[in-house]
Amino acid sequence: MNLQERLQQLAQQREQLWIALHETNGAMKILEQQILETQAVPESNQPSDIEASNQESKAESSKSKA
């Protein structure tokens, strides 16, 4: 492989990495927004750890009865 071909290959690879970087940054921004939205929900609307645990237990017991 001569230097011109290698240079072309590296330019293509750089372009692919640049695209991947932008996709990753976009995904991170979406996740950050989702986290902020989740944290914005008042805690009174979210079940406490005990309530969530009780709901899971009820769901499991109803599955085992079926």
C-alpha atoms as a PDB file:
ATOM      1  CA  MET A   1       0.000   0.000   0.000  1.00  0.00           C
ATOM      2  CA  ASN A   2       1.482   3.299  -1.002  1.00  0.00           C
ATOM      3  CA  LEU A   3       1.313   6.489   1.001  1.00  0.00           C
ATOM      4  CA  GLN A   4      -1.541   7.991  -1.042  1.00  0.00           C
ATOM      5  CA  GLU A   5      -3.760   4.946  -0.424  1.00  0.00           C
ATOM      6  CA  ARG A   6      -2.871   4.955   3.272  1.00  0.00           C
ATOM      7  CA  LEU A   7      -3.737   8.645   3.489  1.00  0.00           C
ATOM      8  CA  GLN A   8      -7.121   7.980   1.886  1.00  0.00           C
ATOM      9  CA  GLN A   9      -7.788   5.103   4.251  1.00  0.00           C
ATOM     10  CA  LEU A  10      -6.946   7.230   7.269  1.00  0.00           C
ATOM     11  CA  ALA A  11      -9.178  10.054   6.023  1.00  0.00           C
ATOM     12  CA  GLN A  12     -12.100   7.635   5.714  1.00  0.00           C
ATOM     13  CA  GLN A  13     -11.419   6.244   9.168  1.00  0.00           C
ATOM     14  CA  ARG A  14     -11.273   9.767  10.610  1.00  0.00           C
ATOM     15  CA  GLU A  15     -14.663  10.532   9.031  1.00  0.00           C
ATOM     16  CA  GLN A  16     -16.182   7.357  10.513  1.00  0.00           C
ATOM     17  CA  LEU A  17     -14.788   8.181  13.949  1.00  0.00           C
ATOM     18  CA  TRP A  18     -16.102  11.745  13.689  1.00  0.00           C
ATOM     19  CA  ILE A  19     -19.599  10.409  12.924  1.00  0.00           C
ATOM     20  CA  ALA A  20     -19.379   7.940  15.823  1.00  0.00           C
ATOM     21  CA  LEU A  21     -18.318  10.767  18.134  1.00  0.00           C
ATOM     22  CA  HIS A  22     -21.344  12.849  17.166  1.00  0.00           C
ATOM     23  CA  GLU A  23     -23.686   9.876  17.567  1.00  0.00           C
ATOM     24  CA  THR A  24     -22.262   9.170  21.014  1.00  0.00           C
ATOM     25  CA  ASN A  25     -22.574  12.810  22.058  1.00  0.00           C
ATOM     26  CA  GLY A  26     -26.179  12.855  20.865  1.00  0.00           C
ATOM     27  CA  ALA A  27     -26.996   9.684  22.778  1.00  0.00           C
ATOM     28  CA  MET A  28     -25.407  11.115  25.917  1.00  0.00           C
ATOM     29  CA  LYS A  29     -27.488  14.287  25.627  1.00  0.00           C
ATOM     30  CA  ILE A  30     -30.680  12.237  25.232  1.00  0.00           C
ATOM     31  CA  LEU A  31     -29.811  10.159  28.304  1.00  0.00           C
ATOM     32  CA  GLU A  32     -28.962  13.276  30.285  1.00  0.00           C
ATOM     33  CA  GLN A  33     -32.332  14.792  29.364  1.00  0.00           C
ATOM     34  CA  GLN A  34     -34.144  11.594  30.376  1.00  0.00           C
ATOM     35  CA  ILE A  35     -32.332  11.583  33.721  1.00  0.00           C
ATOM     36  CA  LEU A  36     -33.242  15.214  34.337  1.00  0.00           C
ATOM     37  CA  GLU A  37     -36.884  14.521  33.462  1.00  0.00           C
ATOM     38  CA  THR A  38     -36.937  11.532  35.820  1.00  0.00           C
ATOM     39  CA  GLN A  39     -35.448  13.602  38.629  1.00  0.00           C
ATOM     40  CA  ALA A  40     -37.998  16.368  37.984  1.00  0.00           C
ATOM     41  CA  VAL A  41     -40.898  14.020  38.834  1.00  0.00           C
ATOM     42  CA  PRO A  42     -42.006  14.793  42.406  1.00  0.00           C
ATOM     43  CA  GLU A  43     -41.033  12.072  44.845  1.00  0.00           C
ATOM     44  CA  SER A  44     -44.637  11.784  45.999  1.00  0.00           C
ATOM     45  CA  ASN A  45     -45.488  10.332  42.575  1.00  0.00           C
ATOM     46  CA  GLN A  46     -42.745   7.726  42.818  1.00  0.00           C
ATOM     47  CA  PRO A  47     -43.281   4.662  45.009  1.00  0.00           C
ATOM     48  CA  SER A  48     -40.994   4.385  47.999  1.00  0.00           C
ATOM     49  CA  ASP A  49     -38.529   1.507  48.128  1.00  0.00           C
ATOM     50  CA  ILE A  50     -40.864  -0.397  50.440  1.00  0.00           C
ATOM     51  CA  GLU A  51     -43.897   0.180  48.205  1.00  0.00           C
ATOM     52  CA  ALA A  52     -41.944  -0.892  45.120  1.00  0.00           C
ATOM     53  CA  SER A  53     -40.711  -3.983  46.939  1.00  0.00           C
ATOM     54  CA  ASN A  54     -44.256  -4.857  48.040  1.00  0.00           C
ATOM     55  CA  GLN A  55     -45.549  -4.433  44.486  1.00  0.00           C
ATOM     56  CA  GLU A  56     -42.849  -6.779  43.186  1.00  0.00           C
ATOM     57  CA  SER A  57     -43.698  -9.350  45.851  1.00  0.00           C
ATOM     58  CA  LYS A  58     -47.390  -9.219  44.954  1.00  0.00           C
ATOM     59  CA  ALA A  59     -46.587  -9.608  41.262  1.00  0.00           C
ATOM     60  CA  GLU A  60     -44.361 -12.607  41.920  1.00  0.00           C
ATOM     61  CA  SER A  61     -46.901 -14.299  44.177  1.00  0.00           C
ATOM     62  CA  SER A  62     -49.683 -13.832  41.622  1.00  0.00           C
ATOM     63  CA  LYS A  63     -47.427 -15.358  38.936  1.00  0.00           C
ATOM     64  CA  SER A  64     -46.673 -18.374  41.101  1.00  0.00           C
ATOM     65  CA  LYS A  65     -50.399 -18.934  41.729  1.00  0.00           C
ATOM     66  CA  ALA A  66     -51.146 -18.942  38.001  1.00  0.00           C
END
